Amino acid sequence: MTEGRKTHACAVCQKPYKTPYDLEVHFRLHTGERPFKCGVCGTSFKSQSKLNEHQAIVHSDERPFSCVICETSWKKMNALHRHILFHTKEKPYFCLKCPGSCSTQSDLNNHIVARHGGKKGKKCEKCPKLFYLLSNLQAHMRVHTREKPFSCSTCGNQFTHKSSLKLHALIHSGEKPWACTQCSKQFRLKANLNCHVKQVHSNERPFPCGICGAGFAFKIARDRHVISHLNEKHYKCPKCAKRFASSSGLRYHLKLHDGIRDFKCLKCENKFVNNISPKNHYLRTHADPSEQGFECILCVKTFAFRSEFENHLRSHVRENPHMCAFCPKSFSLRCSLNKHVQRAHSV
């Protein structure tokens, strides 16, 4: 028998394998058998190698694979390889049908299906999307069926994708591996750290409001701000006459009706409907001046928030940047302008 030849075929799907063990592991896909159980969380797997991988990623803090460029560390070697390609901008997987190239084999497979209609592409029955791998198509179908097969063993929450469950598990572990280099804050996700740096430590505001000129770090924040100008409040409270510009605003408002205040201040008994309000309350009420990051050099007052600090500076320079569209008056604060427009012009 030639070495490397696949001679063991599956009786169900005819897929060939090199060894009886590989065939046995594969056959569990058809039977649903998962004999290898994690002793920590109870999750079961079809092979010992999958169980070992799960324990190393989920239940171990070890990150043995380190990047020589930025010193970040990873739990899996293939994750380190993908990370290094990010530094080098290398794309070693070349498409044979066009000049395109990709960083990973899976990216190349998806490129072939999307651009060239690869023979192995599998089309979704519900939408026009194509997938190179059956597993990717099966995961995508959950978008249409709303199936959530991955459950959190701690709180019972269910998720559509395994990756979403892994991110959720960080909430229970308390792990925040991404630390800001400019302040003491830490984050569970690198994306959250990037958002924090753009919003707090960067003066770059590439998305201006076309009505008042205010700048924003993110387009979605600018769009929400523009809605406040237009007074488009599409979300009506079913329990009172109030309306809201966003579904999140209505959701938090409904918690007030139901008396739900899940987030408690660490210094006093006050409770709030979301996790941002306790932080803002702490900075305004309990924080020492040293914790408030904006200090006025003219009167030595300190402020917890950039907007309050900027409004205070205008009191020194008598700047009134908010102009009324109906008369020559101007105001230092946006809220003052809004009150003026309502009272003087009935708008």
C-alpha atoms as a PDB file:
ATOM      1  CA  MET A   1       0.000   0.000   0.000  1.00  0.00           C
ATOM      2  CA  THR A   2       1.367   3.392  -0.971  1.00  0.00           C
ATOM      3  CA  GLU A   3       2.217   5.570   2.036  1.00  0.00           C
ATOM      4  CA  GLY A   4      -0.258   8.368   2.555  1.00  0.00           C
ATOM      5  CA  ARG A   5      -3.019   6.682   0.519  1.00  0.00           C
ATOM      6  CA  LYS A   6      -6.528   7.087   1.971  1.00  0.00           C
ATOM      7  CA  THR A   7      -8.085   3.622   2.075  1.00  0.00           C
ATOM      8  CA  HIS A   8     -10.680   3.856   4.885  1.00  0.00           C
ATOM      9  CA  ALA A   9     -13.973   5.196   3.515  1.00  0.00           C
ATOM     10  CA  CYS A  10     -16.976   6.381   5.515  1.00  0.00           C
ATOM     11  CA  ALA A  11     -20.001   4.091   4.997  1.00  0.00           C
ATOM     12  CA  VAL A  12     -22.370   7.095   5.098  1.00  0.00           C
ATOM     13  CA  CYS A  13     -20.751   9.788   2.917  1.00  0.00           C
ATOM     14  CA  GLN A  14     -17.893   7.765   1.286  1.00  0.00           C
ATOM     15  CA  LYS A  15     -15.261  10.275   2.448  1.00  0.00           C
ATOM     16  CA  PRO A  16     -11.836   8.534   2.627  1.00  0.00           C
ATOM     17  CA  TYR A  17      -9.374   8.660   5.551  1.00  0.00           C
ATOM     18  CA  LYS A  18      -5.838   7.433   6.105  1.00  0.00           C
ATOM     19  CA  THR A  19      -6.335   5.573   9.408  1.00  0.00           C
ATOM     20  CA  PRO A  20      -9.190   3.766  11.188  1.00  0.00           C
ATOM     21  CA  TYR A  21      -8.905   6.326  14.021  1.00  0.00           C
ATOM     22  CA  ASP A  22      -9.474   9.262  11.637  1.00  0.00           C
ATOM     23  CA  LEU A  23     -12.499   7.431  10.228  1.00  0.00           C
ATOM     24  CA  GLU A  24     -13.827   6.773  13.740  1.00  0.00           C
ATOM     25  CA  VAL A  25     -13.543  10.477  14.687  1.00  0.00           C
ATOM     26  CA  HIS A  26     -15.241  11.499  11.423  1.00  0.00           C
ATOM     27  CA  PHE A  27     -18.098   9.007  11.907  1.00  0.00           C
ATOM     28  CA  ARG A  28     -19.071  10.803  15.120  1.00  0.00           C
ATOM     29  CA  LEU A  29     -20.260  13.683  12.908  1.00  0.00           C
ATOM     30  CA  HIS A  30     -23.011  11.360  11.711  1.00  0.00           C
ATOM     31  CA  THR A  31     -23.819   9.749  15.075  1.00  0.00           C
ATOM     32  CA  GLY A  32     -23.544  12.935  17.158  1.00  0.00           C
ATOM     33  CA  GLU A  33     -21.385  11.093  19.701  1.00  0.00           C
ATOM     34  CA  ARG A  34     -19.063  13.264  21.852  1.00  0.00           C
ATOM     35  CA  PRO A  35     -17.311  10.944  24.336  1.00  0.00           C
ATOM     36  CA  PHE A  36     -14.612  13.378  25.511  1.00  0.00           C
ATOM     37  CA  LYS A  37     -15.998  15.638  28.250  1.00  0.00           C
ATOM     38  CA  CYS A  38     -14.323  18.702  29.798  1.00  0.00           C
ATOM     39  CA  GLY A  39     -13.979  18.293  33.576  1.00  0.00           C
ATOM     40  CA  VAL A  40     -14.246  22.073  34.145  1.00  0.00           C
ATOM     41  CA  CYS A  41     -17.326  23.191  32.192  1.00  0.00           C
ATOM     42  CA  GLY A  42     -18.860  19.905  31.029  1.00  0.00           C
ATOM     43  CA  THR A  43     -18.626  20.628  27.285  1.00  0.00           C
ATOM     44  CA  SER A  44     -18.222  17.445  25.205  1.00  0.00           C
ATOM     45  CA  PHE A  45     -16.077  16.837  22.105  1.00  0.00           C
ATOM     46  CA  LYS A  46     -15.742  14.198  19.445  1.00  0.00           C
ATOM     47  CA  SER A  47     -11.946  13.736  19.877  1.00  0.00           C
ATOM     48  CA  GLN A  48      -9.263  14.055  22.536  1.00  0.00           C
ATOM     49  CA  SER A  49      -7.404  16.637  20.452  1.00  0.00           C
ATOM     50  CA  LYS A  50     -10.490  18.904  20.337  1.00  0.00           C
ATOM     51  CA  LEU A  51     -10.864  18.574  24.114  1.00  0.00           C
ATOM     52  CA  ASN A  52      -7.182  19.465  24.633  1.00  0.00           C
ATOM     53  CA  GLU A  53      -7.565  22.484  22.345  1.00  0.00           C
ATOM     54  CA  HIS A  54     -10.683  23.622  24.261  1.00  0.00           C
ATOM     55  CA  GLN A  55      -8.949  23.359  27.644  1.00  0.00           C
ATOM     56  CA  ALA A  56      -5.890  25.256  26.380  1.00  0.00           C
ATOM     57  CA  ILE A  57      -7.963  28.100  24.897  1.00  0.00           C
ATOM     58  CA  VAL A  58     -10.838  28.472  27.363  1.00  0.00           C
ATOM     59  CA  HIS A  59      -9.566  27.280  30.747  1.00  0.00           C
ATOM     60  CA  SER A  60      -5.873  28.168  30.581  1.00  0.00           C
ATOM     61  CA  ASP A  61      -4.203  31.575  30.840  1.00  0.00           C
ATOM     62  CA  GLU A  62      -1.039  30.361  29.105  1.00  0.00           C
ATOM     63  CA  ARG A  63      -0.141  32.058  25.830  1.00  0.00           C
ATOM     64  CA  PRO A  64       3.014  30.232  24.730  1.00  0.00           C
ATOM     65  CA  PHE A  65       3.271  31.681  21.201  1.00  0.00           C
ATOM     66  CA  SER A  66       4.729  35.212  21.233  1.00  0.00           C
ATOM     67  CA  CYS A  67       5.098  37.702  18.393  1.00  0.00           C
ATOM     68  CA  VAL A  68       8.712  38.854  17.937  1.00  0.00           C
ATOM     69  CA  ILE A  69       7.557  42.211  16.529  1.00  0.00           C
ATOM     70  CA  CYS A  70       5.053  43.538  19.091  1.00  0.00           C
ATOM     71  CA  GLU A  71       5.455  40.979  21.919  1.00  0.00           C
ATOM     72  CA  THR A  72       1.750  40.063  21.988  1.00  0.00           C
ATOM     73  CA  SER A  73       1.189  36.395  22.803  1.00  0.00           C
ATOM     74  CA  TRP A  74      -1.292  33.838  21.532  1.00  0.00           C
ATOM     75  CA  LYS A  75      -2.702  30.520  22.643  1.00  0.00           C
ATOM     76  CA  LYS A  76      -2.500  28.869  19.199  1.00  0.00           C
ATOM     77  CA  MET A  77       0.316  28.737  16.668  1.00  0.00           C
ATOM     78  CA  ASN A  78      -1.972  29.371  13.677  1.00  0.00           C
ATOM     79  CA  ALA A  79      -3.293  32.507  15.418  1.00  0.00           C
ATOM     80  CA  LEU A  80       0.309  33.753  15.741  1.00  0.00           C
ATOM     81  CA  HIS A  81       0.928  33.028  12.042  1.00  0.00           C
ATOM     82  CA  ARG A  82      -2.123  35.092  11.007  1.00  0.00           C
ATOM     83  CA  HIS A  83      -1.014  37.886  13.357  1.00  0.00           C
ATOM     84  CA  ILE A  84       2.498  38.039  11.880  1.00  0.00           C
ATOM     85  CA  LEU A  85       1.007  38.352   8.376  1.00  0.00           C
ATOM     86  CA  PHE A  86      -0.784  41.456   9.667  1.00  0.00           C
ATOM     87  CA  HIS A  87       2.625  43.017  10.475  1.00  0.00           C
ATOM     88  CA  THR A  88       4.349  41.977   7.253  1.00  0.00           C
ATOM     89  CA  LYS A  89       1.310  42.653   4.997  1.00  0.00           C
ATOM     90  CA  GLU A  90       2.298  39.365   3.333  1.00  0.00           C
ATOM     91  CA  LYS A  91      -0.322  37.551   1.235  1.00  0.00           C
ATOM     92  CA  PRO A  92       1.254  34.179   0.355  1.00  0.00           C
ATOM     93  CA  TYR A  93      -1.886  32.516  -1.073  1.00  0.00           C
ATOM     94  CA  PHE A  94      -2.221  33.415  -4.763  1.00  0.00           C
ATOM     95  CA  CYS A  95      -5.326  33.070  -6.906  1.00  0.00           C
ATOM     96  CA  LEU A  96      -4.712  31.129 -10.169  1.00  0.00           C
ATOM     97  CA  LYS A  97      -7.550  32.933 -11.982  1.00  0.00           C
ATOM     98  CA  CYS A  98      -6.596  36.572 -11.320  1.00  0.00           C
ATOM     99  CA  PRO A  99      -3.679  38.604  -9.853  1.00  0.00           C
ATOM    100  CA  GLY A 100      -5.322  38.615  -6.404  1.00  0.00           C
ATOM    101  CA  SER A 101      -3.659  37.188  -3.295  1.00  0.00           C
ATOM    102  CA  CYS A 102      -4.803  36.538   0.292  1.00  0.00           C
ATOM    103  CA  SER A 103      -3.306  36.185   3.764  1.00  0.00           C
ATOM    104  CA  THR A 104      -4.891  32.803   4.566  1.00  0.00           C
ATOM    105  CA  GLN A 105      -6.120  29.743   2.692  1.00  0.00           C
ATOM    106  CA  SER A 106      -9.686  30.290   3.904  1.00  0.00           C
ATOM    107  CA  ASP A 107      -9.619  33.880   2.585  1.00  0.00           C
ATOM    108  CA  LEU A 108      -8.411  32.563  -0.782  1.00  0.00           C
ATOM    109  CA  ASN A 109     -11.177  29.925  -0.854  1.00  0.00           C
ATOM    110  CA  ASN A 110     -13.809  32.570  -0.180  1.00  0.00           C
ATOM    111  CA  HIS A 111     -12.244  34.815  -2.853  1.00  0.00           C
ATOM    112  CA  ILE A 112     -12.440  32.039  -5.465  1.00  0.00           C
ATOM    113  CA  VAL A 113     -16.110  31.387  -4.707  1.00  0.00           C
ATOM    114  CA  ALA A 114     -17.093  35.071  -4.573  1.00  0.00           C
ATOM    115  CA  ARG A 115     -15.130  36.321  -7.618  1.00  0.00           C
ATOM    116  CA  HIS A 116     -14.836  33.276  -9.883  1.00  0.00           C
ATOM    117  CA  GLY A 117     -17.755  31.000  -8.945  1.00  0.00           C
ATOM    118  CA  GLY A 118     -15.629  28.117  -7.738  1.00  0.00           C
ATOM    119  CA  LYS A 119     -17.067  24.655  -8.423  1.00  0.00           C
ATOM    120  CA  LYS A 120     -17.159  23.780  -4.720  1.00  0.00           C
ATOM    121  CA  GLY A 121     -19.167  26.881  -3.843  1.00  0.00           C
ATOM    122  CA  LYS A 122     -22.380  26.084  -1.971  1.00  0.00           C
ATOM    123  CA  LYS A 123     -25.263  28.530  -2.340  1.00  0.00           C
ATOM    124  CA  CYS A 124     -27.539  29.456   0.544  1.00  0.00           C
ATOM    125  CA  GLU A 125     -31.178  28.482  -0.118  1.00  0.00           C
ATOM    126  CA  LYS A 126     -32.461  31.657   1.578  1.00  0.00           C
ATOM    127  CA  CYS A 127     -30.154  34.326   0.087  1.00  0.00           C
ATOM    128  CA  PRO A 128     -27.592  34.709  -2.758  1.00  0.00           C
ATOM    129  CA  LYS A 129     -24.482  34.111  -0.617  1.00  0.00           C
ATOM    130  CA  LEU A 130     -21.962  31.409  -1.627  1.00  0.00           C
ATOM    131  CA  PHE A 131     -19.715  29.399   0.715  1.00  0.00           C
ATOM    132  CA  TYR A 132     -16.640  27.297   0.022  1.00  0.00           C
ATOM    133  CA  LEU A 133     -17.009  25.076   3.101  1.00  0.00           C
ATOM    134  CA  LEU A 134     -20.146  23.245   4.205  1.00  0.00           C
ATOM    135  CA  SER A 135     -19.402  24.199   7.834  1.00  0.00           C
ATOM    136  CA  ASN A 136     -19.457  27.903   6.885  1.00  0.00           C
ATOM    137  CA  LEU A 137     -22.789  27.447   5.103  1.00  0.00           C
ATOM    138  CA  GLN A 138     -24.243  25.620   8.129  1.00  0.00           C
ATOM    139  CA  ALA A 139     -23.096  28.422  10.439  1.00  0.00           C
ATOM    140  CA  HIS A 140     -24.576  31.016   8.045  1.00  0.00           C
ATOM    141  CA  MET A 141     -27.966  29.221   7.937  1.00  0.00           C
ATOM    142  CA  ARG A 142     -28.427  30.000  11.633  1.00  0.00           C
ATOM    143  CA  VAL A 143     -28.902  33.626  10.582  1.00  0.00           C
ATOM    144  CA  HIS A 144     -32.105  32.535   8.828  1.00  0.00           C
ATOM    145  CA  THR A 145     -33.276  29.843  11.289  1.00  0.00           C
ATOM    146  CA  ARG A 146     -32.347  31.890  14.405  1.00  0.00           C
ATOM    147  CA  GLU A 147     -30.910  28.697  15.917  1.00  0.00           C
ATOM    148  CA  LYS A 148     -28.550  29.236  18.891  1.00  0.00           C
ATOM    149  CA  PRO A 149     -26.793  25.929  19.632  1.00  0.00           C
ATOM    150  CA  PHE A 150     -23.991  27.293  21.853  1.00  0.00           C
ATOM    151  CA  SER A 151     -25.015  27.792  25.496  1.00  0.00           C
ATOM    152  CA  CYS A 152     -23.055  29.438  28.295  1.00  0.00           C
ATOM    153  CA  SER A 153     -22.545  26.921  31.126  1.00  0.00           C
ATOM    154  CA  THR A 154     -22.515  29.752  33.695  1.00  0.00           C
ATOM    155  CA  CYS A 155     -25.613  31.828  32.907  1.00  0.00           C
ATOM    156  CA  GLY A 156     -27.437  29.845  30.221  1.00  0.00           C
ATOM    157  CA  ASN A 157     -27.318  32.536  27.510  1.00  0.00           C
ATOM    158  CA  GLN A 158     -27.366  31.071  24.006  1.00  0.00           C
ATOM    159  CA  PHE A 159     -25.394  32.122  20.932  1.00  0.00           C
ATOM    160  CA  THR A 160     -25.453  31.512  17.195  1.00  0.00           C
ATOM    161  CA  HIS A 161     -21.673  31.108  16.824  1.00  0.00           C
ATOM    162  CA  LYS A 162     -19.029  29.468  18.973  1.00  0.00           C
ATOM    163  CA  SER A 163     -16.836  32.558  18.685  1.00  0.00           C
ATOM    164  CA  SER A 164     -19.630  34.660  20.231  1.00  0.00           C
ATOM    165  CA  LEU A 165     -19.792  32.254  23.181  1.00  0.00           C
ATOM    166  CA  LYS A 166     -16.025  32.559  23.701  1.00  0.00           C
ATOM    167  CA  LEU A 167     -16.264  36.364  23.790  1.00  0.00           C
ATOM    168  CA  HIS A 168     -19.198  36.129  26.207  1.00  0.00           C
ATOM    169  CA  ALA A 169     -17.200  33.813  28.509  1.00  0.00           C
ATOM    170  CA  LEU A 170     -14.746  36.680  29.120  1.00  0.00           C
ATOM    171  CA  ILE A 171     -17.517  38.470  31.042  1.00  0.00           C
ATOM    172  CA  HIS A 172     -17.646  35.687  33.630  1.00  0.00           C
ATOM    173  CA  SER A 173     -13.875  35.252  33.823  1.00  0.00           C
ATOM    174  CA  GLY A 174     -13.329  38.980  34.415  1.00  0.00           C
ATOM    175  CA  GLU A 175     -10.349  38.846  32.039  1.00  0.00           C
ATOM    176  CA  LYS A 176      -9.478  42.148  30.349  1.00  0.00           C
ATOM    177  CA  PRO A 177      -6.285  41.488  28.374  1.00  0.00           C
ATOM    178  CA  TRP A 178      -6.256  44.734  26.359  1.00  0.00           C
ATOM    179  CA  ALA A 179      -4.819  47.647  28.357  1.00  0.00           C
ATOM    180  CA  CYS A 180      -4.742  51.274  27.239  1.00  0.00           C
ATOM    181  CA  THR A 181      -1.167  52.639  27.172  1.00  0.00           C
ATOM    182  CA  GLN A 182      -2.342  56.204  27.947  1.00  0.00           C
ATOM    183  CA  CYS A 183      -4.565  55.539  30.981  1.00  0.00           C
ATOM    184  CA  SER A 184      -5.344  52.740  33.399  1.00  0.00           C
ATOM    185  CA  LYS A 185      -8.403  51.337  31.582  1.00  0.00           C
ATOM    186  CA  GLN A 186      -8.534  47.722  30.415  1.00  0.00           C
ATOM    187  CA  PHE A 187     -10.841  46.037  27.913  1.00  0.00           C
ATOM    188  CA  ARG A 188     -12.031  42.552  27.057  1.00  0.00           C
ATOM    189  CA  LEU A 189     -11.787  43.115  23.290  1.00  0.00           C
ATOM    190  CA  LYS A 190      -9.158  44.829  21.172  1.00  0.00           C
ATOM    191  CA  ALA A 191     -11.959  46.525  19.194  1.00  0.00           C
ATOM    192  CA  ASN A 192     -13.201  48.172  22.408  1.00  0.00           C
ATOM    193  CA  LEU A 193      -9.673  49.395  23.171  1.00  0.00           C
ATOM    194  CA  ASN A 194      -9.392  50.912  19.677  1.00  0.00           C
ATOM    195  CA  CYS A 195     -12.741  52.698  20.117  1.00  0.00           C
ATOM    196  CA  HIS A 196     -11.635  54.022  23.510  1.00  0.00           C
ATOM    197  CA  VAL A 197      -8.357  55.413  22.114  1.00  0.00           C
ATOM    198  CA  LYS A 198     -10.171  57.145  19.230  1.00  0.00           C
ATOM    199  CA  GLN A 199     -12.867  58.659  21.437  1.00  0.00           C
ATOM    200  CA  VAL A 200     -10.829  59.671  24.502  1.00  0.00           C
ATOM    201  CA  HIS A 201      -7.154  60.089  23.564  1.00  0.00           C
ATOM    202  CA  SER A 202      -7.352  61.212  19.945  1.00  0.00           C
ATOM    203  CA  ASN A 203      -8.345  64.664  18.716  1.00  0.00           C
ATOM    204  CA  GLU A 204      -9.162  63.280  15.272  1.00  0.00           C
ATOM    205  CA  ARG A 205     -12.861  63.791  14.456  1.00  0.00           C
ATOM    206  CA  PRO A 206     -13.286  62.816  10.775  1.00  0.00           C
ATOM    207  CA  PHE A 207     -17.107  62.769  10.823  1.00  0.00           C
ATOM    208  CA  PRO A 208     -18.554  66.304  11.227  1.00  0.00           C
ATOM    209  CA  CYS A 209     -22.219  67.138  11.724  1.00  0.00           C
ATOM    210  CA  GLY A 210     -23.530  69.074   8.706  1.00  0.00           C
ATOM    211  CA  ILE A 211     -25.909  71.071  10.918  1.00  0.00           C
ATOM    212  CA  CYS A 212     -23.819  72.309  13.862  1.00  0.00           C
ATOM    213  CA  GLY A 213     -20.270  71.345  12.835  1.00  0.00           C
ATOM    214  CA  ALA A 214     -19.584  69.095  15.843  1.00  0.00           C
ATOM    215  CA  GLY A 215     -17.004  66.407  15.050  1.00  0.00           C
ATOM    216  CA  PHE A 216     -17.183  62.699  15.888  1.00  0.00           C
ATOM    217  CA  ALA A 217     -14.684  59.856  15.904  1.00  0.00           C
ATOM    218  CA  PHE A 218     -17.176  57.388  14.406  1.00  0.00           C
ATOM    219  CA  LYS A 219     -19.806  57.674  11.689  1.00  0.00           C
ATOM    220  CA  ILE A 220     -22.466  55.906  13.785  1.00  0.00           C
ATOM    221  CA  ALA A 221     -22.006  58.474  16.589  1.00  0.00           C
ATOM    222  CA  ARG A 222     -22.372  61.323  14.063  1.00  0.00           C
ATOM    223  CA  ASP A 223     -25.529  59.745  12.611  1.00  0.00           C
ATOM    224  CA  ARG A 224     -27.116  59.414  16.055  1.00  0.00           C
ATOM    225  CA  HIS A 225     -26.256  63.039  16.755  1.00  0.00           C
ATOM    226  CA  VAL A 226     -27.864  64.207  13.493  1.00  0.00           C
ATOM    227  CA  ILE A 227     -31.096  62.425  14.457  1.00  0.00           C
ATOM    228  CA  SER A 228     -31.206  64.563  17.625  1.00  0.00           C
ATOM    229  CA  HIS A 229     -31.262  67.669  15.372  1.00  0.00           C
ATOM    230  CA  LEU A 230     -34.061  66.329  13.230  1.00  0.00           C
ATOM    231  CA  ASN A 231     -36.186  65.244  16.199  1.00  0.00           C
ATOM    232  CA  GLU A 232     -36.959  61.961  14.427  1.00  0.00           C
ATOM    233  CA  LYS A 233     -38.261  59.863  17.287  1.00  0.00           C
ATOM    234  CA  HIS A 234     -39.659  56.719  15.717  1.00  0.00           C
ATOM    235  CA  TYR A 235     -39.701  54.572  18.881  1.00  0.00           C
ATOM    236  CA  LYS A 236     -42.820  55.171  21.001  1.00  0.00           C
ATOM    237  CA  CYS A 237     -43.102  53.914  24.575  1.00  0.00           C
ATOM    238  CA  PRO A 238     -46.104  51.551  24.901  1.00  0.00           C
ATOM    239  CA  LYS A 239     -46.610  52.645  28.529  1.00  0.00           C
ATOM    240  CA  CYS A 240     -46.543  56.438  28.169  1.00  0.00           C
ATOM    241  CA  ALA A 241     -46.467  59.177  25.517  1.00  0.00           C
ATOM    242  CA  LYS A 242     -42.666  59.537  25.295  1.00  0.00           C
ATOM    243  CA  ARG A 243     -40.856  58.846  22.038  1.00  0.00           C
ATOM    244  CA  PHE A 244     -37.177  58.082  21.392  1.00  0.00           C
ATOM    245  CA  ALA A 245     -34.753  58.442  18.498  1.00  0.00           C
ATOM    246  CA  SER A 246     -33.134  55.023  19.081  1.00  0.00           C
ATOM    247  CA  SER A 247     -34.254  51.563  20.183  1.00  0.00           C
ATOM    248  CA  SER A 248     -31.620  51.585  22.947  1.00  0.00           C
ATOM    249  CA  GLY A 249     -33.111  54.800  24.377  1.00  0.00           C
ATOM    250  CA  LEU A 250     -36.554  53.184  24.464  1.00  0.00           C
ATOM    251  CA  ARG A 251     -35.122  50.021  26.016  1.00  0.00           C
ATOM    252  CA  TYR A 252     -33.527  51.918  28.893  1.00  0.00           C
ATOM    253  CA  HIS A 253     -36.705  53.994  29.345  1.00  0.00           C
ATOM    254  CA  LEU A 254     -38.815  50.813  29.691  1.00  0.00           C
ATOM    255  CA  LYS A 255     -36.525  49.682  32.500  1.00  0.00           C
ATOM    256  CA  LEU A 256     -37.558  52.792  34.421  1.00  0.00           C
ATOM    257  CA  HIS A 257     -41.220  51.765  34.060  1.00  0.00           C
ATOM    258  CA  ASP A 258     -40.420  48.252  35.285  1.00  0.00           C
ATOM    259  CA  GLY A 259     -38.229  49.493  38.141  1.00  0.00           C
ATOM    260  CA  ILE A 260     -35.203  47.614  36.759  1.00  0.00           C
ATOM    261  CA  ARG A 261     -31.910  49.164  37.825  1.00  0.00           C
ATOM    262  CA  ASP A 262     -29.250  46.475  37.499  1.00  0.00           C
ATOM    263  CA  PHE A 263     -26.132  48.651  37.803  1.00  0.00           C
ATOM    264  CA  LYS A 264     -25.143  49.881  41.268  1.00  0.00           C
ATOM    265  CA  CYS A 265     -22.668  52.590  42.252  1.00  0.00           C
ATOM    266  CA  LEU A 266     -19.686  51.144  44.140  1.00  0.00           C
ATOM    267  CA  LYS A 267     -19.609  54.083  46.554  1.00  0.00           C
ATOM    268  CA  CYS A 268     -23.292  54.610  47.409  1.00  0.00           C
ATOM    269  CA  GLU A 269     -26.707  52.984  47.098  1.00  0.00           C
ATOM    270  CA  ASN A 270     -27.716  54.651  43.820  1.00  0.00           C
ATOM    271  CA  LYS A 271     -28.715  52.268  41.016  1.00  0.00           C
ATOM    272  CA  PHE A 272     -28.929  52.837  37.258  1.00  0.00           C
ATOM    273  CA  VAL A 273     -30.444  51.293  34.150  1.00  0.00           C
ATOM    274  CA  ASN A 274     -27.176  50.941  32.193  1.00  0.00           C
ATOM    275  CA  ASN A 275     -23.471  50.378  32.888  1.00  0.00           C
ATOM    276  CA  ILE A 276     -22.392  53.857  31.702  1.00  0.00           C
ATOM    277  CA  SER A 277     -24.464  55.873  34.192  1.00  0.00           C
ATOM    278  CA  PRO A 278     -22.701  54.499  37.345  1.00  0.00           C
ATOM    279  CA  LYS A 279     -19.330  55.510  35.887  1.00  0.00           C
ATOM    280  CA  ASN A 280     -20.534  59.017  35.025  1.00  0.00           C
ATOM    281  CA  HIS A 281     -22.201  59.295  38.456  1.00  0.00           C
ATOM    282  CA  TYR A 282     -18.975  58.237  40.195  1.00  0.00           C
ATOM    283  CA  LEU A 283     -16.866  60.762  38.285  1.00  0.00           C
ATOM    284  CA  ARG A 284     -19.294  63.606  39.018  1.00  0.00           C
ATOM    285  CA  THR A 285     -20.064  62.736  42.658  1.00  0.00           C
ATOM    286  CA  HIS A 286     -17.343  60.633  44.284  1.00  0.00           C
ATOM    287  CA  ALA A 287     -14.139  61.046  42.254  1.00  0.00           C
ATOM    288  CA  ASP A 288     -11.149  62.962  43.621  1.00  0.00           C
ATOM    289  CA  PRO A 289      -9.897  65.918  41.540  1.00  0.00           C
ATOM    290  CA  SER A 290      -6.888  63.765  40.593  1.00  0.00           C
ATOM    291  CA  GLU A 291      -9.244  61.275  38.893  1.00  0.00           C
ATOM    292  CA  GLN A 292     -10.903  63.959  36.787  1.00  0.00           C
ATOM    293  CA  GLY A 293      -8.786  64.262  33.692  1.00  0.00           C
ATOM    294  CA  PHE A 294      -9.525  67.839  32.515  1.00  0.00           C
ATOM    295  CA  GLU A 295      -8.064  70.741  34.542  1.00  0.00           C
ATOM    296  CA  CYS A 296      -8.645  74.417  33.714  1.00  0.00           C
ATOM    297  CA  ILE A 297      -5.378  76.386  33.801  1.00  0.00           C
ATOM    298  CA  LEU A 298      -7.250  79.653  34.429  1.00  0.00           C
ATOM    299  CA  CYS A 299      -9.148  78.763  37.602  1.00  0.00           C
ATOM    300  CA  VAL A 300      -7.776  75.279  38.536  1.00  0.00           C
ATOM    301  CA  LYS A 301     -11.237  73.676  38.353  1.00  0.00           C
ATOM    302  CA  THR A 302     -11.300  70.031  37.293  1.00  0.00           C
ATOM    303  CA  PHE A 303     -13.810  68.212  35.106  1.00  0.00           C
ATOM    304  CA  ALA A 304     -14.546  64.554  34.478  1.00  0.00           C
ATOM    305  CA  PHE A 305     -15.773  65.006  30.904  1.00  0.00           C
ATOM    306  CA  ARG A 306     -14.306  66.773  27.881  1.00  0.00           C
ATOM    307  CA  SER A 307     -17.668  68.386  26.962  1.00  0.00           C
ATOM    308  CA  GLU A 308     -18.047  69.948  30.431  1.00  0.00           C
ATOM    309  CA  PHE A 309     -14.444  71.170  30.315  1.00  0.00           C
ATOM    310  CA  GLU A 310     -14.939  72.812  26.893  1.00  0.00           C
ATOM    311  CA  ASN A 311     -18.193  74.441  28.025  1.00  0.00           C
ATOM    312  CA  HIS A 312     -16.380  75.825  31.078  1.00  0.00           C
ATOM    313  CA  LEU A 313     -13.574  77.307  28.950  1.00  0.00           C
ATOM    314  CA  ARG A 314     -16.170  79.282  26.998  1.00  0.00           C
ATOM    315  CA  SER A 315     -17.196  80.998  30.241  1.00  0.00           C
ATOM    316  CA  HIS A 316     -13.667  82.482  30.405  1.00  0.00           C
ATOM    317  CA  VAL A 317     -13.426  83.595  26.789  1.00  0.00           C
ATOM    318  CA  ARG A 318     -17.109  84.522  26.404  1.00  0.00           C
ATOM    319  CA  GLU A 319     -17.345  82.337  23.317  1.00  0.00           C
ATOM    320  CA  ASN A 320     -20.874  81.606  22.016  1.00  0.00           C
ATOM    321  CA  PRO A 321     -20.528  79.108  19.172  1.00  0.00           C
ATOM    322  CA  HIS A 322     -24.181  77.984  19.050  1.00  0.00           C
ATOM    323  CA  MET A 323     -26.036  80.409  16.757  1.00  0.00           C
ATOM    324  CA  CYS A 324     -29.817  80.668  16.595  1.00  0.00           C
ATOM    325  CA  ALA A 325     -31.183  80.096  13.075  1.00  0.00           C
ATOM    326  CA  PHE A 326     -34.152  82.451  13.676  1.00  0.00           C
ATOM    327  CA  CYS A 327     -32.542  85.520  15.298  1.00  0.00           C
ATOM    328  CA  PRO A 328     -29.039  87.041  15.910  1.00  0.00           C
ATOM    329  CA  LYS A 329     -28.639  85.518  19.405  1.00  0.00           C
ATOM    330  CA  SER A 330     -25.896  83.021  20.199  1.00  0.00           C
ATOM    331  CA  PHE A 331     -25.176  80.766  23.174  1.00  0.00           C
ATOM    332  CA  SER A 332     -22.235  79.017  24.802  1.00  0.00           C
ATOM    333  CA  LEU A 333     -24.163  75.761  25.353  1.00  0.00           C
ATOM    334  CA  ARG A 334     -26.205  73.687  22.944  1.00  0.00           C
ATOM    335  CA  CYS A 335     -28.876  73.071  25.637  1.00  0.00           C
ATOM    336  CA  SER A 336     -29.238  76.840  26.139  1.00  0.00           C
ATOM    337  CA  LEU A 337     -29.812  77.296  22.413  1.00  0.00           C
ATOM    338  CA  ASN A 338     -32.431  74.521  22.397  1.00  0.00           C
ATOM    339  CA  LYS A 339     -34.341  76.157  25.268  1.00  0.00           C
ATOM    340  CA  HIS A 340     -34.195  79.541  23.526  1.00  0.00           C
ATOM    341  CA  VAL A 341     -35.553  78.111  20.250  1.00  0.00           C
ATOM    342  CA  GLN A 342     -38.412  76.391  22.064  1.00  0.00           C
ATOM    343  CA  ARG A 343     -39.397  79.434  24.168  1.00  0.00           C
ATOM    344  CA  ALA A 344     -38.743  82.325  21.793  1.00  0.00           C
ATOM    345  CA  HIS A 345     -39.579  80.746  18.441  1.00  0.00           C
ATOM    346  CA  SER A 346     -41.924  77.875  19.454  1.00  0.00           C
ATOM    347  CA  VAL A 347     -39.903  75.328  17.487  1.00  0.00           C
END
